[in-house]
Every structure is written in structure tokens, then in C-alpha cells.
Amino acid sequence: FFFLSGSQMGRMLLSLLLAVASRGAATFTARSQGALEAEAGSCKGEAVMIRTYLPTRAMIQRFQRIIKEVEPERQVIISYGTLQDPKDANLLSVSEGLRYNSTEIIKEKPVFLDTLYKIFGKERVVVTDDDMMLTEFPDMRSLPSYFTLMKRADGTEFGIQTWARGYHDEYIYTAMREYERVKGEKWNGCGLWVWEDDLEYTGNFKQLFDKYSGTADLISEQAHPLPKEKEHRLRWSSQKFRDECVVDDKVHRHREHLTYQSRRFLDAWGNAMKKGIHAHSEFGTATFCAVKGFKQRNVDLDDMDDRTPRKGWFVTTRHLHTQEEMKAHVEQMRKQGKAVLIHPCKY
């Protein structure tokens, strides 16, 4: 160094400093990337949320079978949505066509919350209501809501205003936050299955979930695009949703008797809802998934029973079968060794 001129010495020192800085930056980038990969891979297992309200004994048996077949690999959560004080022993059901999607009102007295606690324990049963959901998302008060008609055992009826019936994802978000509060720790699962209480499966639940888990960010039924003018519930969405998610005048509709959401989709959709992006869940979830670049997958048609409108065994609107016929069909499918989804099964 003693034989170098001042300018040469300066250039050499600068080169050394740049080399050290470059090496440090490379090390920092590698460590940061490693930390991000570790963070992304830090999730563990999955959860299965069963959404229910005033379940029948047959539904309780279904819940027990799900728990037996999927745990401990997946943690089962029973999300009990309240529209009425569960201590009201005179409450019979939601009237026909609203709660019970069949040609008859279920005669059996529903199972109330205190009984669910006794069967499953308070750590598994998570209670969520509209007030809790509106606390999480106060901006939803300006959105349309359902007027649900309730019926007591003495035949008298009364109406309840509810947002939870149309905005399932906000309800699910609220239920998961309540689950975290009950457990005293943050849920760290890699994906969440959501199962409606009146959906039956004649095969093994674990095998069904294993088939689909992790294959897409959103798994649901019959997702497809359609012109926005054909979505009659588009008014059931916030202006922010219409501004950010309705692209090329299209939305994406799907069915949600069972859904799977990956952890990254849950986080992104949750953050969007917190920012005021809301929509009826039968088109909002699938639309957000499509326009934000997430991967969507439909449940295979082979996994669903006959979908013929009204006459089939997997239907979403009022149908012609009694619950006794539905029960007999489920038992027949099991005897034949056929694993299919059947809806609605309330018995």
C-alpha cells in the first residue's frame, strides 16, 4: 500500500468497501429469504369448522363421525351461530324454507347450546353471533341483511335481522378469532375446511379431505364466471368490492356446502374484508379468488350424488324428497360402498 498513489489507494479502498457491502447485502438477502420461507412454512395441520345452528341428533352423530375420522391430523371446531338466546327452551326452529330446506319441518326438537357443550366441550364449541361479527366489521351495517323468520314450539313466530346468513366469510373470520380467544393462542393452521351441518358424506371424511387439501387456495362447488347483471345479489356487496373485484363486468359464483381455503388465501381475504371489501359469500369469495390470482378448484362431480334439480340427492333448493327418504338413500349408498356427498340431510 505504501507504493500506491493517493488516487490509487482511494480506488482500492472503495473497491474493498463495495465488496464487503455486496457480500453483506447478499448475506442479508439470503437470510431474509430464508426467514420468509421459514415463516411461510411455519403453519401446521388444518382445521375443520362445522357451521351449525340448532342441530338435530342426526347432525350431532355426523359431527362425532367427522371428529373420529379426521382427528388428530385436523382439529375440528364446531361453530354455533346464534340468532336467539339459546336458553329460550320454547324455540323450535327457523321456519320451513329458511332453516329447513325440505318439504317438511323437522319434528325432532333441536339440540341446544348447553347440550353441545356437554357433548363436545367448551374448547371445541365456538359461539358466534351478528353482534360479534359487526364488531369485527362495523362497516357491514350499511349492507343488506336477511330477515329470518323464527318459530316457537307454541306456533308463534318472530323475525330476526341477520347478516351472518349471507356473509359467511365474515362469520368464519369472526368465529376463528373467537376460537383463538377461547384457546388462548393464535391459530397457526395451513388450511381451513368449512362444512355445513346438513351436508352428509357416505365415505370416509379423512380420505375426502386428503384428496383435496393443499391442491388449491379455494376449493368449493361449481365455481363459474357469469355477467354481473345475472348475479341478482350484486347489491349484497360493498362499493369497494365492486370497484376492486368486478372485472370485465363479471363475477364468479360458487356453492359453499363445503369449502377449503389455504392459509395464504385466508390471510389475504381477511385483510381485504378488514379494508371494507364485502360481498355475499356465494359470489364474493370465488370472485376475489379469481381476480386476485389465487388458484381455485371445484369438487369433482363424481364426489357428489345426483344433482338433478328438485329430484336429485345433492340439491341446493327446495326438493321433493322427505327427510325419511334422504336418510334411507344415505344408508343405501353406504351399503353399496359408494362415497358421495348428499344434501340436505337433517333427518
Protein backbone atom coordinates (compact mmCIF):
# COMPACT_ATOMS: atom_id res chain seq x y z
CA PHE A 1 0.00 0.00 0.00
CA PHE A 2 2.91 2.36 0.68
CA PHE A 3 3.82 2.35 -3.04
CA LEU A 4 0.33 3.38 -4.21
CA SER A 5 -0.62 6.92 -5.04
CA GLY A 6 -3.41 8.66 -3.17
CA SER A 7 -5.86 8.19 -6.00
CA GLN A 8 -4.95 4.51 -6.39
CA MET A 9 -5.29 3.99 -2.65
CA GLY A 10 -8.70 5.62 -2.72
CA ARG A 11 -9.91 3.43 -5.55
CA MET A 12 -8.68 0.28 -3.77
CA LEU A 13 -10.38 1.20 -0.51
CA LEU A 14 -13.59 1.94 -2.37
CA SER A 15 -13.43 -1.46 -4.11
CA LEU A 16 -12.90 -3.20 -0.78
CA LEU A 17 -15.81 -1.38 0.80
CA LEU A 18 -18.09 -2.22 -2.13
CA ALA A 19 -17.07 -5.88 -1.96
CA VAL A 20 -17.80 -6.07 1.75
CA ALA A 21 -21.11 -4.27 1.31
CA SER A 22 -22.08 -6.55 -1.57
CA ARG A 23 -21.23 -9.65 0.44
CA GLY A 24 -23.17 -8.30 3.42
CA ALA A 25 -26.16 -7.47 1.24
CA ALA A 26 -26.09 -10.95 -0.28
CA THR A 27 -25.92 -12.49 3.18
CA PHE A 28 -28.77 -10.30 4.41
CA THR A 29 -30.89 -11.17 1.35
CA ALA A 30 -30.26 -14.88 1.81
CA ARG A 31 -31.13 -14.69 5.49
CA SER A 32 -34.24 -12.65 4.78
CA GLN A 33 -35.35 -15.09 2.10
CA GLY A 34 -34.70 -17.96 4.48
CA ALA A 35 -36.74 -16.23 7.17
CA LEU A 36 -39.62 -15.69 4.73
CA GLU A 37 -39.53 -19.33 3.70
CA ALA A 38 -39.46 -20.38 7.33
CA GLU A 39 -42.38 -18.10 8.10
CA ALA A 40 -44.37 -19.42 5.15
CA GLY A 41 -43.65 -22.96 6.23
CA SER A 42 -44.34 -22.42 9.91
CA CYS A 43 -48.03 -23.37 9.66
CA LYS A 44 -49.04 -26.78 10.90
CA GLY A 45 -52.01 -29.01 10.15
CA GLU A 46 -55.52 -27.96 9.22
CA ALA A 47 -58.82 -27.25 10.90
CA VAL A 48 -62.35 -28.32 10.02
CA MET A 49 -65.09 -25.88 11.02
CA ILE A 50 -68.61 -27.26 11.18
CA ARG A 51 -71.13 -24.43 10.87
CA THR A 52 -74.34 -25.17 12.71
CA TYR A 53 -77.39 -23.72 14.39
CA LEU A 54 -79.94 -25.77 16.34
CA PRO A 55 -78.59 -29.11 15.05
CA THR A 56 -80.66 -32.30 15.16
CA ARG A 57 -79.49 -35.54 16.79
CA ALA A 58 -78.59 -36.91 13.37
CA MET A 59 -76.34 -33.91 12.78
CA ILE A 60 -74.67 -34.44 16.16
CA GLN A 61 -73.85 -38.01 15.14
CA ARG A 62 -72.39 -36.65 11.90
CA PHE A 63 -70.19 -34.24 13.86
CA GLN A 64 -68.96 -37.10 16.03
CA ARG A 65 -68.10 -39.17 12.98
CA ILE A 66 -66.15 -36.29 11.43
CA ILE A 67 -64.15 -35.88 14.65
CA LYS A 68 -63.43 -39.61 14.86
CA GLU A 69 -62.25 -39.85 11.25
CA VAL A 70 -60.16 -36.69 10.85
CA GLU A 71 -58.52 -36.06 14.22
CA PRO A 72 -55.76 -35.69 15.33
CA GLU A 73 -54.47 -34.69 11.90
CA ARG A 74 -57.13 -31.99 11.64
CA GLN A 75 -58.68 -30.09 14.53
CA VAL A 76 -62.48 -29.99 14.41
CA ILE A 77 -64.24 -26.79 15.52
CA ILE A 78 -67.99 -26.59 15.97
CA SER A 79 -69.11 -23.06 15.17
CA TYR A 80 -72.51 -22.40 16.70
CA GLY A 81 -74.17 -19.32 15.25
CA THR A 82 -76.82 -17.78 17.47
CA LEU A 83 -79.81 -15.82 16.26
CA GLN A 84 -81.67 -16.11 19.53
CA ASP A 85 -80.84 -16.58 23.19
CA PRO A 86 -80.01 -20.32 23.31
CA LYS A 87 -81.63 -20.51 26.75
CA ASP A 88 -85.03 -19.99 25.16
CA ALA A 89 -86.40 -23.53 25.64
CA ASN A 90 -89.51 -22.67 23.65
CA LEU A 91 -87.58 -22.08 20.45
CA LEU A 92 -88.37 -24.81 17.93
CA SER A 93 -86.77 -23.94 14.61
CA VAL A 94 -86.42 -21.45 11.84
CA SER A 95 -89.50 -21.74 9.69
CA GLU A 96 -89.65 -24.04 6.69
CA GLY A 97 -87.77 -22.78 3.65
CA LEU A 98 -85.28 -20.79 5.71
CA ARG A 99 -83.58 -23.19 8.11
CA TYR A 100 -85.05 -26.44 6.85
CA ASN A 101 -84.68 -26.79 3.12
CA SER A 102 -87.13 -29.65 2.63
CA THR A 103 -90.80 -30.39 2.13
CA GLU A 104 -91.43 -30.67 5.85
CA ILE A 105 -90.40 -29.06 9.11
CA ILE A 106 -88.23 -31.31 11.23
CA LYS A 107 -90.32 -32.71 14.08
CA GLU A 108 -87.40 -33.51 16.37
CA LYS A 109 -86.53 -30.89 18.99
CA PRO A 110 -83.17 -29.31 18.14
CA VAL A 111 -80.07 -29.70 20.28
CA PHE A 112 -79.32 -26.53 22.24
CA LEU A 113 -76.02 -24.97 23.13
CA ASP A 114 -75.77 -26.34 26.66
CA THR A 115 -76.14 -29.87 25.28
CA LEU A 116 -73.43 -29.20 22.69
CA TYR A 117 -71.11 -28.10 25.50
CA LYS A 118 -71.78 -31.34 27.37
CA ILE A 119 -71.12 -33.49 24.32
CA PHE A 120 -68.13 -31.72 22.81
CA GLY A 121 -66.71 -29.40 25.48
CA LYS A 122 -66.41 -25.62 25.55
CA GLU A 123 -62.98 -25.57 23.89
CA ARG A 124 -64.40 -27.12 20.72
CA VAL A 125 -67.74 -25.29 20.53
CA VAL A 126 -67.33 -21.66 19.46
CA VAL A 127 -70.33 -19.34 19.73
CA THR A 128 -70.61 -16.50 17.22
CA ASP A 129 -73.41 -14.02 16.58
CA ASP A 130 -74.15 -10.99 14.44
CA ASP A 131 -73.11 -8.54 17.14
CA MET A 132 -69.64 -10.10 17.29
CA MET A 133 -69.36 -10.05 13.51
CA LEU A 134 -70.45 -6.42 13.30
CA THR A 135 -67.88 -5.55 15.96
CA GLU A 136 -65.18 -7.02 13.69
CA PHE A 137 -66.69 -5.35 10.60
CA PRO A 138 -68.74 -2.29 11.67
CA ASP A 139 -68.98 -1.07 8.07
CA MET A 140 -71.26 -4.02 7.29
CA ARG A 141 -74.22 -2.33 8.94
CA SER A 142 -74.74 -0.39 5.72
CA LEU A 143 -75.04 -3.63 3.69
CA PRO A 144 -78.27 -5.58 3.07
CA SER A 145 -79.21 -8.25 5.60
CA TYR A 146 -81.65 -11.13 5.82
CA PHE A 147 -84.87 -11.09 7.78
CA THR A 148 -85.11 -14.61 9.20
CA LEU A 149 -88.42 -15.91 10.49
CA MET A 150 -88.25 -18.00 13.67
CA LYS A 151 -90.90 -20.31 15.07
CA ARG A 152 -91.51 -21.30 18.69
CA ALA A 153 -92.95 -24.59 19.88
CA ASP A 154 -96.28 -22.90 20.59
CA GLY A 155 -96.55 -21.87 16.95
CA THR A 156 -95.81 -18.17 17.39
CA GLU A 157 -93.29 -16.59 15.04
CA PHE A 158 -90.87 -13.69 15.27
CA GLY A 159 -88.35 -12.15 12.92
CA ILE A 160 -84.62 -11.57 13.37
CA GLN A 161 -82.32 -9.45 11.25
CA THR A 162 -79.06 -11.21 10.39
CA TRP A 163 -76.01 -10.56 8.24
CA ALA A 164 -74.36 -13.91 9.01
CA ARG A 165 -76.72 -15.82 6.73
CA GLY A 166 -75.40 -14.05 3.63
CA TYR A 167 -71.83 -13.11 4.52
CA HIS A 168 -70.34 -16.45 5.52
CA ASP A 169 -66.71 -15.42 5.24
CA GLU A 170 -67.06 -12.56 7.70
CA TYR A 171 -68.80 -15.01 10.01
CA ILE A 172 -65.99 -17.56 9.59
CA TYR A 173 -63.37 -14.88 10.23
CA THR A 174 -65.17 -13.86 13.43
CA ALA A 175 -65.55 -17.48 14.55
CA MET A 176 -61.83 -18.14 14.10
CA ARG A 177 -60.95 -15.07 16.16
CA GLU A 178 -63.30 -16.31 18.89
CA TYR A 179 -61.71 -19.76 18.67
CA GLU A 180 -58.32 -18.14 19.24
CA ARG A 181 -59.69 -16.28 22.25
CA VAL A 182 -61.12 -19.47 23.74
CA LYS A 183 -57.90 -21.42 23.12
CA GLY A 184 -55.68 -18.58 24.32
CA GLU A 185 -53.38 -18.86 21.32
CA LYS A 186 -53.23 -17.86 17.67
CA TRP A 187 -54.39 -20.48 15.20
CA ASN A 188 -51.46 -21.50 13.01
CA GLY A 189 -53.04 -23.94 10.59
CA CYS A 190 -52.17 -24.29 6.91
CA GLY A 191 -55.76 -24.51 5.70
CA LEU A 192 -59.37 -24.41 6.84
CA TRP A 193 -62.23 -26.67 5.79
CA VAL A 194 -65.76 -25.38 6.41
CA TRP A 195 -68.60 -27.91 6.45
CA GLU A 196 -72.34 -27.13 6.64
CA ASP A 197 -74.17 -29.18 9.24
CA ASP A 198 -76.75 -30.69 6.86
CA LEU A 199 -74.22 -31.99 4.34
CA GLU A 200 -73.67 -35.75 4.52
CA TYR A 201 -70.84 -37.86 3.11
CA THR A 202 -71.18 -41.61 2.80
CA GLY A 203 -67.45 -42.26 2.64
CA ASN A 204 -64.55 -41.54 4.98
CA PHE A 205 -64.13 -37.84 5.79
CA LYS A 206 -60.34 -38.06 6.13
CA GLN A 207 -60.00 -39.61 2.69
CA LEU A 208 -62.19 -36.87 1.21
CA PHE A 209 -60.15 -34.08 2.80
CA ASP A 210 -56.84 -35.75 1.93
CA LYS A 211 -57.86 -35.85 -1.73
CA TYR A 212 -58.24 -32.07 -1.97
CA SER A 213 -56.17 -30.46 0.81
CA GLY A 214 -53.46 -28.16 -0.49
CA THR A 215 -54.37 -28.60 -4.17
CA ALA A 216 -55.80 -25.08 -4.47
CA ASP A 217 -56.30 -21.88 -2.49
CA LEU A 218 -60.08 -22.14 -2.70
CA ILE A 219 -61.98 -25.39 -3.12
CA SER A 220 -65.76 -25.26 -3.45
CA GLU A 221 -68.58 -26.45 -5.70
CA GLN A 222 -69.43 -25.44 -9.23
CA ALA A 223 -67.50 -22.17 -9.38
CA HIS A 224 -68.01 -20.38 -12.69
CA PRO A 225 -67.96 -16.85 -14.13
CA LEU A 226 -71.11 -15.03 -15.15
CA PRO A 227 -72.05 -11.49 -16.23
CA LYS A 228 -72.60 -9.23 -13.25
CA GLU A 229 -76.15 -8.40 -14.38
CA LYS A 230 -77.06 -12.08 -13.89
CA GLU A 231 -75.94 -12.03 -10.25
CA HIS A 232 -79.12 -10.79 -8.63
CA ARG A 233 -77.36 -10.40 -5.27
CA LEU A 234 -74.71 -7.99 -6.52
CA ARG A 235 -76.28 -5.30 -4.35
CA TRP A 236 -75.19 -7.51 -1.43
CA SER A 237 -71.68 -6.15 -1.79
CA SER A 238 -69.75 -3.08 -0.78
CA GLN A 239 -68.72 -0.39 -3.22
CA LYS A 240 -65.08 -1.31 -2.58
CA PHE A 241 -65.80 -4.87 -3.68
CA ARG A 242 -67.47 -3.68 -6.88
CA ASP A 243 -64.60 -1.28 -7.59
CA GLU A 244 -61.77 -3.77 -6.98
CA CYS A 245 -63.20 -7.20 -7.76
CA VAL A 246 -65.79 -6.85 -10.52
CA VAL A 247 -63.51 -7.06 -13.56
CA ASP A 248 -64.77 -7.05 -17.17
CA ASP A 249 -68.33 -6.81 -15.79
CA LYS A 250 -68.10 -10.39 -14.45
CA VAL A 251 -68.35 -12.09 -11.09
CA HIS A 252 -67.74 -15.73 -10.13
CA ARG A 253 -70.47 -17.73 -8.42
CA HIS A 254 -69.97 -20.93 -6.44
CA ARG A 255 -71.69 -23.22 -3.93
CA GLU A 256 -70.28 -23.49 -0.44
CA HIS A 257 -71.72 -26.51 1.34
CA LEU A 258 -68.08 -27.41 1.88
CA THR A 259 -65.10 -25.19 1.21
CA TYR A 260 -61.36 -25.26 1.71
CA GLN A 261 -59.24 -22.12 1.99
CA SER A 262 -55.45 -22.12 2.10
CA ARG A 263 -53.66 -20.10 4.74
CA ARG A 264 -52.44 -17.51 2.26
CA PHE A 265 -55.95 -17.09 0.86
CA LEU A 266 -57.48 -16.82 4.34
CA ASP A 267 -55.00 -14.09 5.25
CA ALA A 268 -55.46 -12.13 2.01
CA TRP A 269 -59.27 -12.38 2.08
CA GLY A 270 -59.35 -11.48 5.76
CA ASN A 271 -57.21 -8.39 5.17
CA ALA A 272 -59.46 -7.38 2.27
CA MET A 273 -62.59 -7.70 4.40
CA LYS A 274 -60.97 -5.60 7.10
CA LYS A 275 -60.46 -2.91 4.44
CA GLY A 276 -64.15 -2.90 3.57
CA ILE A 277 -64.32 -5.42 0.72
CA HIS A 278 -67.51 -7.41 1.38
CA ALA A 279 -69.88 -9.47 -0.74
CA HIS A 280 -72.43 -12.24 -0.40
CA SER A 281 -70.32 -15.36 0.01
CA GLU A 282 -71.95 -17.27 -2.85
CA PHE A 283 -70.15 -14.97 -5.30
CA GLY A 284 -67.79 -12.78 -3.27
CA THR A 285 -65.28 -15.46 -2.24
CA ALA A 286 -64.91 -17.04 -5.67
CA THR A 287 -64.71 -13.64 -7.37
CA PHE A 288 -61.94 -12.43 -5.04
CA CYS A 289 -60.08 -15.69 -5.64
CA ALA A 290 -60.28 -15.32 -9.43
CA VAL A 291 -59.35 -11.65 -9.81
CA LYS A 292 -56.53 -11.71 -7.24
CA GLY A 293 -54.68 -14.57 -8.91
CA PHE A 294 -55.36 -17.39 -6.44
CA LYS A 295 -55.89 -20.98 -7.55
CA GLN A 296 -59.45 -22.31 -7.48
CA ARG A 297 -60.68 -25.90 -7.76
CA ASN A 298 -64.14 -27.39 -7.91
CA VAL A 299 -65.15 -30.50 -6.02
CA ASP A 300 -65.26 -33.31 -8.57
CA LEU A 301 -68.74 -34.14 -9.81
CA ASP A 302 -68.03 -37.81 -9.08
CA ASP A 303 -67.89 -36.93 -5.38
CA MET A 304 -71.44 -35.53 -5.45
CA ASP A 305 -74.63 -37.53 -5.71
CA ASP A 306 -77.29 -36.94 -8.37
CA ARG A 307 -77.63 -33.17 -8.89
CA THR A 308 -80.88 -33.21 -10.89
CA PRO A 309 -82.87 -30.14 -9.77
CA ARG A 310 -85.51 -31.00 -7.17
CA LYS A 311 -85.37 -34.73 -7.92
CA GLY A 312 -81.68 -35.34 -7.16
CA TRP A 313 -79.91 -36.22 -3.93
CA PHE A 314 -77.49 -33.28 -3.94
CA VAL A 315 -79.59 -30.17 -4.35
CA THR A 316 -79.46 -26.61 -3.05
CA THR A 317 -83.07 -25.54 -3.47
CA ARG A 318 -86.40 -26.93 -2.32
CA HIS A 319 -86.66 -30.57 -3.37
CA LEU A 320 -89.19 -33.38 -3.49
CA HIS A 321 -87.65 -35.84 -1.03
CA THR A 322 -88.73 -36.16 2.60
CA GLN A 323 -86.04 -36.44 5.25
CA GLU A 324 -87.04 -40.08 5.79
CA GLU A 325 -86.27 -40.70 2.12
CA MET A 326 -82.97 -38.84 2.41
CA LYS A 327 -81.97 -40.99 5.37
CA ALA A 328 -82.89 -44.21 3.55
CA HIS A 329 -80.88 -43.10 0.50
CA VAL A 330 -77.81 -42.36 2.63
CA GLU A 331 -77.98 -45.83 4.17
CA GLN A 332 -78.39 -47.38 0.72
CA MET A 333 -75.30 -45.58 -0.61
CA ARG A 334 -73.27 -46.82 2.35
CA LYS A 335 -74.41 -50.41 1.83
CA GLN A 336 -73.38 -50.16 -1.82
CA GLY A 337 -69.98 -48.79 -0.82
CA LYS A 338 -70.49 -45.51 -2.67
CA ALA A 339 -68.76 -42.44 -1.24
CA VAL A 340 -70.80 -39.37 -2.25
CA LEU A 341 -71.91 -36.03 -0.87
CA ILE A 342 -75.66 -35.77 -0.19
CA HIS A 343 -77.62 -32.63 0.70
CA PRO A 344 -79.69 -31.65 2.64
CA CYS A 345 -79.63 -34.30 5.39
CA LYS A 346 -81.34 -33.12 8.58
CA TYR A 347 -83.49 -36.13 9.45
